[in-house]
Amino acid sequence: MDSPESYVSTRRVGRAVVSQINDGRGGWTPKLSAPEAEWRAALPGADERGYIENEHYTGVIQIGDARILIDVGFDDPSPASHFMPPRYRRTPGVTAGLAKLGLQPSDITHVIFTHHHGDHVAGAMVGDTARFSNARHFIGRADWDANPVRDDPNSIEALNLGGLDRLGLLHLPDGDIEIIPGVTMTRAPGKSLGHSIIRVADGGAVAYFVGDLFHFPCEAEHLDWVSPGRDPVKARRSRKCLLGATAGCKCEFGLVMLLPP
């Protein structure tokens, strides 16, 4: 993951240029709600503790005059980074990935957070300044209202989402919202109360950024398999809705992408 080509992937969705930036690779123990023998068979890469690695992605949508960033990932790699989970291996980061796409942080017009967790919001602020200072930032209101740590001044949420709120840059939709024509932020609770997915549609082609609705392919086969801390009923409903909308699709580089008609 040393070269930009190895961590930035791009496809077209109609007129839209849709990219993903791999922000790093690390592991966790998902503890899926299934008999151990079953989830181990579905996750052969898990070690004896159940620890398994996967990538962390942010997304970019370029269409017309809009430059939309989906999640902001970790803080950019540096010795001063204020959010770096242990045992993670970083790419050069989101800002370097944007540069590979010919973009600077000031070019971003909108930021959409799929949910409030630290690995999705930690790169939003640089000190007291918004990293993407020209962008409107969106997160589901339920994730803001129900997040119990956002008022802790030392939490990742307070440093980033709270910082954006103080600057007047944070917008809190109560439900589905069209960010620009063809790009829709849709509620998909389960991972969190305000978790959202993002739909990109143009010229008959459609793609979805699914956030943390799924982490592994086996979760699409077993809609009830969730990790602790999720709402299994809401997660199943959200997953079922998405899979119903994407019947006949193919999956590429972390996106659920529909084939053009």
Protein backbone atom coordinates (compact mmCIF):
# COMPACT_ATOMS: atom_id res chain seq x y z
CA MET A 1 0.00 0.00 0.00
CA ASP A 2 2.91 2.34 -0.61
CA SER A 3 1.90 3.77 -4.00
CA PRO A 4 -1.29 5.75 -4.68
CA GLU A 5 -2.24 3.32 -7.42
CA SER A 6 -2.48 0.55 -4.84
CA TYR A 7 -5.02 2.30 -2.62
CA VAL A 8 -7.14 4.51 -4.92
CA SER A 9 -9.74 2.83 -7.14
CA THR A 10 -12.05 4.55 -9.61
CA ARG A 11 -15.10 3.57 -11.68
CA ARG A 12 -17.71 5.46 -13.68
CA VAL A 13 -21.38 5.49 -12.75
CA GLY A 14 -22.97 7.24 -15.69
CA ARG A 15 -21.34 10.67 -15.77
CA ALA A 16 -20.18 10.36 -12.17
CA VAL A 17 -16.59 9.44 -11.35
CA VAL A 18 -16.79 7.27 -8.24
CA SER A 19 -13.62 6.47 -6.29
CA GLN A 20 -12.57 4.78 -3.10
CA ILE A 21 -9.51 5.59 -1.02
CA ASN A 22 -8.15 2.83 1.19
CA ASP A 23 -7.19 4.60 4.41
CA GLY A 24 -5.51 1.60 6.05
CA ARG A 25 -5.75 -2.03 7.00
CA GLY A 26 -6.27 -3.37 10.48
CA GLY A 27 -8.06 -5.96 12.49
CA TRP A 28 -10.75 -6.57 15.03
CA THR A 29 -12.74 -9.41 16.54
CA PRO A 30 -16.26 -9.16 15.09
CA LYS A 31 -17.86 -11.84 17.34
CA LEU A 32 -20.67 -12.43 14.88
CA SER A 33 -23.96 -13.61 16.36
CA ALA A 34 -23.74 -17.16 15.00
CA PRO A 35 -22.38 -20.51 16.21
CA GLU A 36 -18.59 -20.32 16.26
CA ALA A 37 -18.14 -23.20 13.83
CA GLU A 38 -20.38 -21.43 11.30
CA TRP A 39 -18.79 -17.98 11.42
CA ARG A 40 -15.29 -19.49 11.39
CA ALA A 41 -16.17 -21.42 8.25
CA ALA A 42 -17.39 -18.16 6.69
CA LEU A 43 -14.32 -16.18 7.88
CA PRO A 44 -11.37 -18.51 7.25
CA GLY A 45 -8.90 -15.66 7.78
CA ALA A 46 -9.77 -15.30 11.47
CA ASP A 47 -7.05 -16.42 13.91
CA GLU A 48 -7.57 -18.47 17.05
CA ARG A 49 -8.92 -15.40 18.88
CA GLY A 50 -11.37 -14.59 16.10
CA TYR A 51 -9.24 -11.60 15.06
CA ILE A 52 -9.48 -10.74 11.36
CA GLU A 53 -8.24 -7.87 9.19
CA ASN A 54 -10.02 -5.74 6.61
CA GLU A 55 -9.58 -2.39 4.89
CA HIS A 56 -11.05 0.97 5.84
CA TYR A 57 -12.37 3.01 2.93
CA THR A 58 -13.57 6.51 2.22
CA GLY A 59 -15.40 7.38 -0.98
CA VAL A 60 -15.36 10.24 -3.48
CA ILE A 61 -18.09 11.18 -5.96
CA GLN A 62 -17.30 13.69 -8.71
CA ILE A 63 -20.20 14.84 -10.85
CA GLY A 64 -20.85 18.27 -12.32
CA ASP A 65 -19.50 20.87 -9.92
CA ALA A 66 -19.88 18.60 -6.89
CA ARG A 67 -16.97 16.87 -5.15
CA ILE A 68 -18.45 14.69 -2.40
CA LEU A 69 -16.43 12.82 0.22
CA ILE A 70 -18.05 9.83 1.94
CA ASP A 71 -16.57 9.55 5.46
CA VAL A 72 -13.23 11.16 6.25
CA GLY A 73 -11.39 8.19 7.72
CA PHE A 74 -8.63 8.41 10.30
CA ASP A 75 -6.64 11.53 11.00
CA ASP A 76 -4.01 11.95 8.26
CA PRO A 77 -0.88 9.88 9.06
CA SER A 78 1.66 11.81 11.13
CA PRO A 79 3.37 11.51 14.52
CA ALA A 80 0.76 13.95 15.85
CA SER A 81 -2.24 11.90 14.67
CA HIS A 82 -4.85 11.93 17.42
CA PHE A 83 -6.60 8.74 16.33
CA MET A 84 -4.65 5.65 15.42
CA PRO A 85 -5.95 2.24 16.49
CA PRO A 86 -3.23 -0.24 17.45
CA ARG A 87 -1.91 -2.70 14.89
CA TYR A 88 -3.22 -0.71 11.93
CA ARG A 89 -1.12 -0.28 8.81
CA ARG A 90 -1.76 3.05 7.13
CA THR A 91 -1.75 4.09 3.51
CA PRO A 92 -0.56 7.65 2.81
CA GLY A 93 -4.07 8.73 3.83
CA VAL A 94 -7.14 10.49 2.50
CA THR A 95 -5.53 13.82 1.60
CA ALA A 96 -2.85 12.03 -0.45
CA GLY A 97 -5.55 9.91 -2.09
CA LEU A 98 -7.49 13.02 -3.04
CA ALA A 99 -4.32 14.46 -4.58
CA LYS A 100 -4.06 11.33 -6.74
CA LEU A 101 -7.54 12.23 -8.01
CA GLY A 102 -6.43 15.81 -8.70
CA LEU A 103 -8.27 17.21 -5.68
CA GLN A 104 -7.35 19.26 -2.63
CA PRO A 105 -9.34 19.34 0.61
CA SER A 106 -10.61 22.80 -0.36
CA ASP A 107 -12.21 21.29 -3.49
CA ILE A 108 -14.61 19.11 -1.48
CA THR A 109 -18.14 20.57 -1.61
CA HIS A 110 -19.94 18.03 0.61
CA VAL A 111 -18.93 15.51 3.26
CA ILE A 112 -21.36 12.73 4.18
CA PHE A 113 -20.72 10.65 7.29
CA THR A 114 -22.26 7.19 7.18
CA HIS A 115 -22.17 7.20 11.01
CA HIS A 116 -20.42 8.75 13.98
CA HIS A 117 -17.73 6.18 14.86
CA GLY A 118 -14.15 7.42 15.20
CA ASP A 119 -12.68 5.63 12.18
CA HIS A 120 -15.23 7.47 10.00
CA VAL A 121 -14.99 10.98 11.47
CA ALA A 122 -11.47 11.37 12.91
CA GLY A 123 -10.06 13.22 9.90
CA ALA A 124 -12.64 16.02 9.87
CA MET A 125 -10.73 18.62 11.89
CA VAL A 126 -7.15 19.92 11.98
CA GLY A 127 -6.92 21.60 15.36
CA ASP A 128 -9.75 24.13 15.44
CA THR A 129 -10.08 24.23 11.63
CA ALA A 130 -12.22 22.07 9.38
CA ARG A 131 -10.02 20.03 7.05
CA PHE A 132 -12.68 20.36 4.33
CA SER A 133 -13.51 23.97 5.09
CA ASN A 134 -15.61 24.66 1.97
CA ALA A 135 -17.86 21.64 2.46
CA ARG A 136 -21.25 21.18 4.04
CA HIS A 137 -21.05 18.14 6.36
CA PHE A 138 -23.99 15.77 6.84
CA ILE A 139 -24.69 13.12 9.48
CA GLY A 140 -28.00 11.52 10.46
CA ARG A 141 -29.56 13.44 13.34
CA ALA A 142 -30.11 10.22 15.29
CA ASP A 143 -26.35 9.66 15.43
CA TRP A 144 -25.83 13.16 16.79
CA ASP A 145 -28.68 13.10 19.32
CA ALA A 146 -28.02 9.57 20.57
CA ASN A 147 -24.22 9.66 20.66
CA PRO A 148 -23.42 9.54 24.40
CA VAL A 149 -19.77 10.60 24.08
CA ARG A 150 -20.08 13.63 21.79
CA ASP A 151 -20.06 15.98 24.80
CA ASP A 152 -16.80 14.51 26.17
CA PRO A 153 -14.28 17.21 25.16
CA ASN A 154 -11.59 14.59 24.61
CA SER A 155 -13.62 12.18 22.47
CA ILE A 156 -13.04 11.76 18.76
CA GLU A 157 -16.65 12.78 18.16
CA ALA A 158 -16.30 15.98 20.19
CA LEU A 159 -13.03 16.92 18.52
CA ASN A 160 -14.45 16.40 15.03
CA LEU A 161 -18.24 16.41 14.84
CA GLY A 162 -18.42 18.86 17.73
CA GLY A 163 -15.82 21.05 16.06
CA LEU A 164 -17.82 21.09 12.82
CA ASP A 165 -20.96 21.96 14.75
CA ARG A 166 -19.26 24.91 16.45
CA LEU A 167 -18.15 26.17 13.02
CA GLY A 168 -21.71 25.92 11.67
CA LEU A 169 -20.72 23.29 9.10
CA LEU A 170 -22.66 20.29 10.46
CA HIS A 171 -26.10 19.50 9.01
CA LEU A 172 -28.40 16.92 10.62
CA PRO A 173 -31.02 15.43 8.29
CA ASP A 174 -33.85 13.59 10.05
CA GLY A 175 -34.41 11.17 7.20
CA ASP A 176 -33.46 10.49 3.60
CA ILE A 177 -32.11 13.52 1.76
CA GLU A 178 -30.97 14.22 -1.80
CA ILE A 179 -27.58 15.90 -1.39
CA ILE A 180 -27.44 16.84 -5.08
CA PRO A 181 -29.45 15.44 -8.00
CA GLY A 182 -28.52 11.77 -8.28
CA VAL A 183 -26.80 11.44 -4.89
CA THR A 184 -29.05 10.43 -2.00
CA MET A 185 -28.26 9.85 1.68
CA THR A 186 -30.59 7.10 2.91
CA ARG A 187 -31.17 5.96 6.49
CA ALA A 188 -30.00 2.39 7.12
CA PRO A 189 -29.89 1.94 10.92
CA GLY A 190 -28.42 -1.09 12.62
CA LYS A 191 -24.75 -0.29 13.14
CA SER A 192 -25.97 2.90 14.80
CA LEU A 193 -29.31 4.68 15.06
CA GLY A 194 -28.38 7.23 12.40
CA HIS A 195 -26.32 5.01 10.11
CA SER A 196 -26.81 5.93 6.44
CA ILE A 197 -25.88 4.59 3.04
CA ILE A 198 -25.30 6.71 -0.06
CA ARG A 199 -26.82 6.03 -3.47
CA VAL A 200 -25.29 7.38 -6.68
CA ALA A 201 -27.45 7.15 -9.80
CA ASP A 202 -26.83 8.54 -13.28
CA GLY A 203 -27.56 7.40 -16.79
CA GLY A 204 -29.16 4.15 -15.65
CA ALA A 205 -26.14 3.09 -13.57
CA VAL A 206 -26.33 2.95 -9.78
CA ALA A 207 -23.80 2.44 -7.01
CA TYR A 208 -24.07 2.38 -3.23
CA PHE A 209 -21.59 3.27 -0.53
CA VAL A 210 -22.73 0.89 2.21
CA GLY A 211 -20.74 2.20 5.18
CA ASP A 212 -20.72 -0.42 7.94
CA LEU A 213 -24.00 -2.04 6.94
CA PHE A 214 -21.83 -4.99 5.86
CA HIS A 215 -18.24 -5.85 6.77
CA PHE A 216 -17.96 -9.34 5.24
CA PRO A 217 -19.68 -11.17 2.36
CA CYS A 218 -21.11 -13.72 4.80
CA GLU A 219 -23.28 -10.98 6.33
CA ALA A 220 -25.08 -10.61 3.00
CA GLU A 221 -25.82 -14.34 3.09
CA HIS A 222 -26.80 -14.30 6.78
CA LEU A 223 -28.64 -11.06 7.46
CA ASP A 224 -28.92 -11.80 11.19
CA TRP A 225 -25.16 -12.08 11.71
CA VAL A 226 -24.11 -8.92 13.51
CA SER A 227 -21.41 -7.92 15.97
CA PRO A 228 -22.11 -6.85 19.57
CA GLY A 229 -23.47 -3.33 19.94
CA ARG A 230 -25.58 -3.49 16.77
CA ASP A 231 -29.36 -3.67 16.64
CA PRO A 232 -29.99 -7.02 14.87
CA VAL A 233 -33.61 -6.22 13.98
CA LYS A 234 -32.79 -2.85 12.42
CA ALA A 235 -29.65 -4.24 10.77
CA ARG A 236 -31.57 -7.07 9.14
CA ARG A 237 -34.25 -4.69 7.89
CA SER A 238 -31.69 -2.27 6.44
CA ARG A 239 -29.69 -5.07 4.82
CA LYS A 240 -32.81 -6.64 3.34
CA CYS A 241 -33.93 -3.31 1.87
CA LEU A 242 -30.55 -2.73 0.24
CA LEU A 243 -30.25 -6.24 -1.16
CA GLY A 244 -33.78 -6.01 -2.54
CA ALA A 245 -32.86 -2.77 -4.32
CA THR A 246 -29.64 -4.23 -5.74
CA ALA A 247 -30.84 -7.61 -7.02
CA GLY A 248 -28.67 -8.61 -9.97
CA CYS A 249 -25.79 -6.35 -8.99
CA LYS A 250 -22.11 -7.10 -8.83
CA CYS A 251 -19.80 -6.00 -6.02
CA GLU A 252 -16.58 -4.13 -6.73
CA PHE A 253 -13.92 -2.62 -4.48
CA GLY A 254 -16.17 -2.25 -1.45
CA LEU A 255 -19.12 -0.78 -3.31
CA VAL A 256 -22.36 -2.51 -4.17
CA MET A 257 -22.50 -1.51 -7.83
CA LEU A 258 -25.38 -2.13 -10.21
CA LEU A 259 -24.58 -2.97 -13.79
CA PRO A 260 -25.79 -0.42 -16.37
CA PRO A 261 -29.02 -1.48 -18.11
